[in-house]
Amino acid sequence: MTIQRLHHVAYRCTDARETVEFYENYLDLELATSIAENVVPSTGERYPHIHIFMEMADGGSVAFFELPESEEMTPDPNTPDWVQHLALKVENREMLLTYKERLERDGHSVLGPIDHTFCESIYFHDPSGHRLELTADIGSDELHEELRASAHPILADWDEHRVAPEVDRLHLKARESNSSSR
């Protein structure tokens, strides 16, 4: 048994129309499905909503619910903004920079590109305040194999100490290049 791919991930949005326009105009996702209902199918609860699906190239979707009768959306006060985010892969660094330029041209604040050694990323927020990351793979096959081989040992070390080692050799180069570019 194998999970094949992401079907969809769903978030709440403040305005469905604004969300569709942002994801179509800035991220080239296509509105594939809109479902407007007054009753939640899984619970039977009366809760007017629209559920929109923004389709990616692989057929998976980033989906949103607009809930007009709910309290205003608020971020989790116990979690830093950088933790909860959606990372979407782009083809290469050139495309990453194209998206960055498109967003900045229209006044959106964009952080990056940030070199994470195995990928390079830009960060920004959608109209509902969700943090997004666009990322392009940059590491060699050998680096990706090394990351996979070290994943469980790093987790075991984390379980024991709950702090990262002072020198993480896989990210040292990225930290140096990010600090020298400031």
C-alpha atoms as a PDB file:
ATOM      1  CA  MET A   1       0.000   0.000   0.000  1.00  0.00           C
ATOM      2  CA  THR A   2       1.416   3.399  -1.007  1.00  0.00           C
ATOM      3  CA  ILE A   3       0.214   6.963  -0.761  1.00  0.00           C
ATOM      4  CA  GLN A   4       0.346   8.167  -4.361  1.00  0.00           C
ATOM      5  CA  ARG A   5       0.382  11.975  -4.082  1.00  0.00           C
ATOM      6  CA  LEU A   6      -1.297  14.872  -2.362  1.00  0.00           C
ATOM      7  CA  HIS A   7      -4.945  15.069  -3.424  1.00  0.00           C
ATOM      8  CA  HIS A   8      -5.522  18.395  -1.698  1.00  0.00           C
ATOM      9  CA  VAL A   9      -4.628  20.354   1.358  1.00  0.00           C
ATOM     10  CA  ALA A  10      -7.307  22.716   2.688  1.00  0.00           C
ATOM     11  CA  TYR A  11      -7.065  26.049   4.468  1.00  0.00           C
ATOM     12  CA  ARG A  12      -9.524  28.712   5.440  1.00  0.00           C
ATOM     13  CA  CYS A  13      -9.579  31.944   3.423  1.00  0.00           C
ATOM     14  CA  THR A  14     -11.090  35.341   4.125  1.00  0.00           C
ATOM     15  CA  ASP A  15     -12.459  35.887   0.597  1.00  0.00           C
ATOM     16  CA  ALA A  16     -12.797  33.142  -2.035  1.00  0.00           C
ATOM     17  CA  ARG A  17     -12.761  35.509  -5.037  1.00  0.00           C
ATOM     18  CA  GLU A  18      -9.632  37.322  -3.816  1.00  0.00           C
ATOM     19  CA  THR A  19      -7.965  33.973  -3.111  1.00  0.00           C
ATOM     20  CA  VAL A  20      -8.719  32.622  -6.599  1.00  0.00           C
ATOM     21  CA  GLU A  21      -7.376  35.776  -8.231  1.00  0.00           C
ATOM     22  CA  PHE A  22      -4.161  35.647  -6.187  1.00  0.00           C
ATOM     23  CA  TYR A  23      -3.419  31.982  -6.882  1.00  0.00           C
ATOM     24  CA  GLU A  24      -4.306  32.307 -10.586  1.00  0.00           C
ATOM     25  CA  ASN A  25      -2.461  35.578 -11.219  1.00  0.00           C
ATOM     26  CA  TYR A  26       0.644  35.054  -9.103  1.00  0.00           C
ATOM     27  CA  LEU A  27       1.122  31.285  -8.850  1.00  0.00           C
ATOM     28  CA  ASP A  28      -0.437  30.060 -12.111  1.00  0.00           C
ATOM     29  CA  LEU A  29      -2.787  27.646 -10.350  1.00  0.00           C
ATOM     30  CA  GLU A  30      -6.143  26.998 -11.984  1.00  0.00           C
ATOM     31  CA  LEU A  31      -9.528  27.071 -10.297  1.00  0.00           C
ATOM     32  CA  ALA A  32     -10.634  23.482 -10.931  1.00  0.00           C
ATOM     33  CA  THR A  33     -13.625  23.061  -8.619  1.00  0.00           C
ATOM     34  CA  SER A  34     -15.983  25.245  -6.584  1.00  0.00           C
ATOM     35  CA  ILE A  35     -18.472  23.642  -4.197  1.00  0.00           C
ATOM     36  CA  ALA A  36     -20.941  25.880  -2.346  1.00  0.00           C
ATOM     37  CA  GLU A  37     -22.961  24.213   0.407  1.00  0.00           C
ATOM     38  CA  ASN A  38     -24.993  25.124   3.469  1.00  0.00           C
ATOM     39  CA  VAL A  39     -24.465  21.789   5.236  1.00  0.00           C
ATOM     40  CA  VAL A  40     -21.131  20.084   5.945  1.00  0.00           C
ATOM     41  CA  PRO A  41     -21.335  16.647   4.245  1.00  0.00           C
ATOM     42  CA  SER A  42     -19.192  14.849   6.837  1.00  0.00           C
ATOM     43  CA  THR A  43     -20.960  16.186   9.953  1.00  0.00           C
ATOM     44  CA  GLY A  44     -24.422  17.289   8.838  1.00  0.00           C
ATOM     45  CA  GLU A  45     -23.777  20.616  10.556  1.00  0.00           C
ATOM     46  CA  ARG A  46     -25.385  23.729   9.068  1.00  0.00           C
ATOM     47  CA  TYR A  47     -22.394  25.838   8.064  1.00  0.00           C
ATOM     48  CA  PRO A  48     -22.629  27.844   4.823  1.00  0.00           C
ATOM     49  CA  HIS A  49     -19.333  27.678   2.949  1.00  0.00           C
ATOM     50  CA  ILE A  50     -17.655  27.608  -0.413  1.00  0.00           C
ATOM     51  CA  HIS A  51     -14.848  25.110  -1.000  1.00  0.00           C
ATOM     52  CA  ILE A  52     -12.514  26.061  -3.856  1.00  0.00           C
ATOM     53  CA  PHE A  53      -9.769  23.890  -5.341  1.00  0.00           C
ATOM     54  CA  MET A  54      -6.743  25.508  -7.003  1.00  0.00           C
ATOM     55  CA  GLU A  55      -5.133  22.809  -9.144  1.00  0.00           C
ATOM     56  CA  MET A  56      -1.374  22.285  -9.487  1.00  0.00           C
ATOM     57  CA  ALA A  57       0.450  20.764 -12.467  1.00  0.00           C
ATOM     58  CA  ASP A  58       0.424  17.243 -10.958  1.00  0.00           C
ATOM     59  CA  GLY A  59      -3.357  17.308 -10.438  1.00  0.00           C
ATOM     60  CA  GLY A  60      -3.202  17.894  -6.688  1.00  0.00           C
ATOM     61  CA  SER A  61      -4.889  20.975  -5.283  1.00  0.00           C
ATOM     62  CA  VAL A  62      -4.514  23.704  -2.730  1.00  0.00           C
ATOM     63  CA  ALA A  63      -8.081  24.108  -1.467  1.00  0.00           C
ATOM     64  CA  PHE A  64      -9.770  26.793   0.588  1.00  0.00           C
ATOM     65  CA  PHE A  65     -12.963  27.266   2.565  1.00  0.00           C
ATOM     66  CA  GLU A  66     -14.615  30.651   2.919  1.00  0.00           C
ATOM     67  CA  LEU A  67     -16.825  30.615   6.037  1.00  0.00           C
ATOM     68  CA  PRO A  68     -18.889  33.826   6.001  1.00  0.00           C
ATOM     69  CA  GLU A  69     -20.691  33.144   9.297  1.00  0.00           C
ATOM     70  CA  SER A  70     -17.546  32.387  11.335  1.00  0.00           C
ATOM     71  CA  GLU A  71     -15.455  34.593  13.565  1.00  0.00           C
ATOM     72  CA  GLU A  72     -12.521  36.376  11.928  1.00  0.00           C
ATOM     73  CA  MET A  73      -9.454  34.259  11.190  1.00  0.00           C
ATOM     74  CA  THR A  74      -6.596  34.630  13.668  1.00  0.00           C
ATOM     75  CA  PRO A  75      -3.122  33.097  13.654  1.00  0.00           C
ATOM     76  CA  ASP A  76      -2.141  30.554  16.295  1.00  0.00           C
ATOM     77  CA  PRO A  77      -0.632  32.712  19.080  1.00  0.00           C
ATOM     78  CA  ASN A  78       1.609  29.853  20.267  1.00  0.00           C
ATOM     79  CA  THR A  79       3.274  29.150  16.920  1.00  0.00           C
ATOM     80  CA  PRO A  80       5.761  31.445  15.141  1.00  0.00           C
ATOM     81  CA  ASP A  81       4.651  32.635  11.690  1.00  0.00           C
ATOM     82  CA  TRP A  82       7.489  30.797   9.925  1.00  0.00           C
ATOM     83  CA  VAL A  83       6.423  27.358  11.171  1.00  0.00           C
ATOM     84  CA  GLN A  84       3.054  26.797   9.516  1.00  0.00           C
ATOM     85  CA  HIS A  85       3.432  27.299   5.798  1.00  0.00           C
ATOM     86  CA  LEU A  86       2.717  25.657   2.481  1.00  0.00           C
ATOM     87  CA  ALA A  87       5.758  24.922   0.299  1.00  0.00           C
ATOM     88  CA  LEU A  88       5.192  24.468  -3.425  1.00  0.00           C
ATOM     89  CA  LYS A  89       7.899  23.197  -5.755  1.00  0.00           C
ATOM     90  CA  VAL A  90       8.811  25.065  -8.933  1.00  0.00           C
ATOM     91  CA  GLU A  91      10.877  23.759 -11.829  1.00  0.00           C
ATOM     92  CA  ASN A  92      14.153  25.622 -11.243  1.00  0.00           C
ATOM     93  CA  ARG A  93      15.847  28.738  -9.831  1.00  0.00           C
ATOM     94  CA  GLU A  94      14.933  30.793 -12.895  1.00  0.00           C
ATOM     95  CA  MET A  95      11.222  30.126 -12.286  1.00  0.00           C
ATOM     96  CA  LEU A  96      11.675  30.921  -8.593  1.00  0.00           C
ATOM     97  CA  LEU A  97      13.075  34.338  -9.497  1.00  0.00           C
ATOM     98  CA  THR A  98      10.296  34.902 -12.058  1.00  0.00           C
ATOM     99  CA  TYR A  99       7.656  34.349  -9.366  1.00  0.00           C
ATOM    100  CA  LYS A 100       9.569  36.621  -6.964  1.00  0.00           C
ATOM    101  CA  GLU A 101       9.665  39.427  -9.532  1.00  0.00           C
ATOM    102  CA  ARG A 102       5.960  39.009 -10.337  1.00  0.00           C
ATOM    103  CA  LEU A 103       4.966  39.236  -6.673  1.00  0.00           C
ATOM    104  CA  GLU A 104       7.261  42.174  -5.881  1.00  0.00           C
ATOM    105  CA  ARG A 105       6.170  44.097  -8.991  1.00  0.00           C
ATOM    106  CA  ASP A 106       2.675  44.323  -7.523  1.00  0.00           C
ATOM    107  CA  GLY A 107       3.830  45.257  -4.035  1.00  0.00           C
ATOM    108  CA  HIS A 108       3.938  41.885  -2.285  1.00  0.00           C
ATOM    109  CA  SER A 109       6.740  41.505   0.239  1.00  0.00           C
ATOM    110  CA  VAL A 110       8.986  38.535  -0.627  1.00  0.00           C
ATOM    111  CA  LEU A 111      11.810  37.117   1.498  1.00  0.00           C
ATOM    112  CA  GLY A 112      14.621  35.359  -0.316  1.00  0.00           C
ATOM    113  CA  PRO A 113      15.780  33.504  -2.182  1.00  0.00           C
ATOM    114  CA  ILE A 114      17.169  31.607   0.795  1.00  0.00           C
ATOM    115  CA  ASP A 115      19.731  28.872   0.137  1.00  0.00           C
ATOM    116  CA  HIS A 116      18.885  25.801   2.237  1.00  0.00           C
ATOM    117  CA  THR A 117      21.696  23.755   0.580  1.00  0.00           C
ATOM    118  CA  PHE A 118      19.306  21.152  -0.853  1.00  0.00           C
ATOM    119  CA  CYS A 119      16.740  23.687  -2.092  1.00  0.00           C
ATOM    120  CA  GLU A 120      16.366  27.420  -2.584  1.00  0.00           C
ATOM    121  CA  SER A 121      13.196  29.196  -1.450  1.00  0.00           C
ATOM    122  CA  ILE A 122      11.238  32.423  -1.414  1.00  0.00           C
ATOM    123  CA  TYR A 123       8.605  33.249   1.212  1.00  0.00           C
ATOM    124  CA  PHE A 124       5.527  35.488   1.131  1.00  0.00           C
ATOM    125  CA  HIS A 125       1.897  35.621   2.320  1.00  0.00           C
ATOM    126  CA  ASP A 126      -1.369  35.150   0.454  1.00  0.00           C
ATOM    127  CA  PRO A 127      -4.307  37.565   0.941  1.00  0.00           C
ATOM    128  CA  SER A 128      -5.603  35.537   3.912  1.00  0.00           C
ATOM    129  CA  GLY A 129      -2.226  35.705   5.660  1.00  0.00           C
ATOM    130  CA  HIS A 130      -1.088  32.142   4.955  1.00  0.00           C
ATOM    131  CA  ARG A 131       2.683  31.904   4.638  1.00  0.00           C
ATOM    132  CA  LEU A 132       3.757  30.375   1.347  1.00  0.00           C
ATOM    133  CA  GLU A 133       7.106  29.071   0.165  1.00  0.00           C
ATOM    134  CA  LEU A 134       8.103  28.478  -3.415  1.00  0.00           C
ATOM    135  CA  THR A 135      11.101  26.205  -3.648  1.00  0.00           C
ATOM    136  CA  ALA A 136      13.442  24.828  -6.290  1.00  0.00           C
ATOM    137  CA  ASP A 137      15.643  21.777  -5.724  1.00  0.00           C
ATOM    138  CA  ILE A 138      19.330  22.653  -6.036  1.00  0.00           C
ATOM    139  CA  GLY A 139      21.232  19.871  -4.293  1.00  0.00           C
ATOM    140  CA  SER A 140      23.040  17.035  -6.011  1.00  0.00           C
ATOM    141  CA  ASP A 141      21.694  13.491  -6.020  1.00  0.00           C
ATOM    142  CA  GLU A 142      24.477  12.615  -3.579  1.00  0.00           C
ATOM    143  CA  LEU A 143      23.364  15.343  -1.177  1.00  0.00           C
ATOM    144  CA  HIS A 144      19.752  14.171  -1.311  1.00  0.00           C
ATOM    145  CA  GLU A 145      20.900  10.590  -0.623  1.00  0.00           C
ATOM    146  CA  GLU A 146      22.998  11.831   2.308  1.00  0.00           C
ATOM    147  CA  LEU A 147      20.008  13.744   3.701  1.00  0.00           C
ATOM    148  CA  ARG A 148      17.828  10.645   3.468  1.00  0.00           C
ATOM    149  CA  ALA A 149      20.494   8.474   5.120  1.00  0.00           C
ATOM    150  CA  SER A 150      20.935  10.942   7.993  1.00  0.00           C
ATOM    151  CA  ALA A 151      17.227  11.613   8.642  1.00  0.00           C
ATOM    152  CA  HIS A 152      16.676   8.927  11.307  1.00  0.00           C
ATOM    153  CA  PRO A 153      20.004   9.516  13.124  1.00  0.00           C
ATOM    154  CA  ILE A 154      19.271  13.263  13.303  1.00  0.00           C
ATOM    155  CA  LEU A 155      15.779  12.537  14.653  1.00  0.00           C
ATOM    156  CA  ALA A 156      17.246  10.180  17.276  1.00  0.00           C
ATOM    157  CA  ASP A 157      19.714  12.877  18.357  1.00  0.00           C
ATOM    158  CA  TRP A 158      16.856  15.390  18.549  1.00  0.00           C
ATOM    159  CA  ASP A 159      14.799  12.972  20.684  1.00  0.00           C
ATOM    160  CA  GLU A 160      17.677  12.772  23.136  1.00  0.00           C
ATOM    161  CA  HIS A 161      18.773  16.433  23.324  1.00  0.00           C
ATOM    162  CA  ARG A 162      15.927  18.621  21.959  1.00  0.00           C
ATOM    163  CA  VAL A 163      18.518  21.024  20.551  1.00  0.00           C
ATOM    164  CA  ALA A 164      20.330  21.066  17.212  1.00  0.00           C
ATOM    165  CA  PRO A 165      24.075  20.467  17.115  1.00  0.00           C
ATOM    166  CA  GLU A 166      26.165  23.638  17.054  1.00  0.00           C
ATOM    167  CA  VAL A 167      27.454  22.813  13.572  1.00  0.00           C
ATOM    168  CA  ASP A 168      25.059  21.255  11.110  1.00  0.00           C
ATOM    169  CA  ARG A 169      27.399  20.601   8.202  1.00  0.00           C
ATOM    170  CA  LEU A 170      24.590  20.233   5.655  1.00  0.00           C
ATOM    171  CA  HIS A 171      23.334  23.755   6.337  1.00  0.00           C
ATOM    172  CA  LEU A 172      26.626  25.487   7.180  1.00  0.00           C
ATOM    173  CA  LYS A 173      27.237  26.600   3.568  1.00  0.00           C
ATOM    174  CA  ALA A 174      23.710  27.993   3.313  1.00  0.00           C
ATOM    175  CA  ARG A 175      24.043  29.928   6.570  1.00  0.00           C
ATOM    176  CA  GLU A 176      27.342  31.423   5.425  1.00  0.00           C
ATOM    177  CA  SER A 177      26.004  32.461   2.011  1.00  0.00           C
ATOM    178  CA  ASN A 178      22.776  33.891   3.494  1.00  0.00           C
ATOM    179  CA  SER A 179      24.661  35.976   6.073  1.00  0.00           C
ATOM    180  CA  SER A 180      27.218  37.263   3.539  1.00  0.00           C
ATOM    181  CA  SER A 181      24.453  38.411   1.165  1.00  0.00           C
ATOM    182  CA  ARG A 182      22.968  40.754   3.788  1.00  0.00           C
END
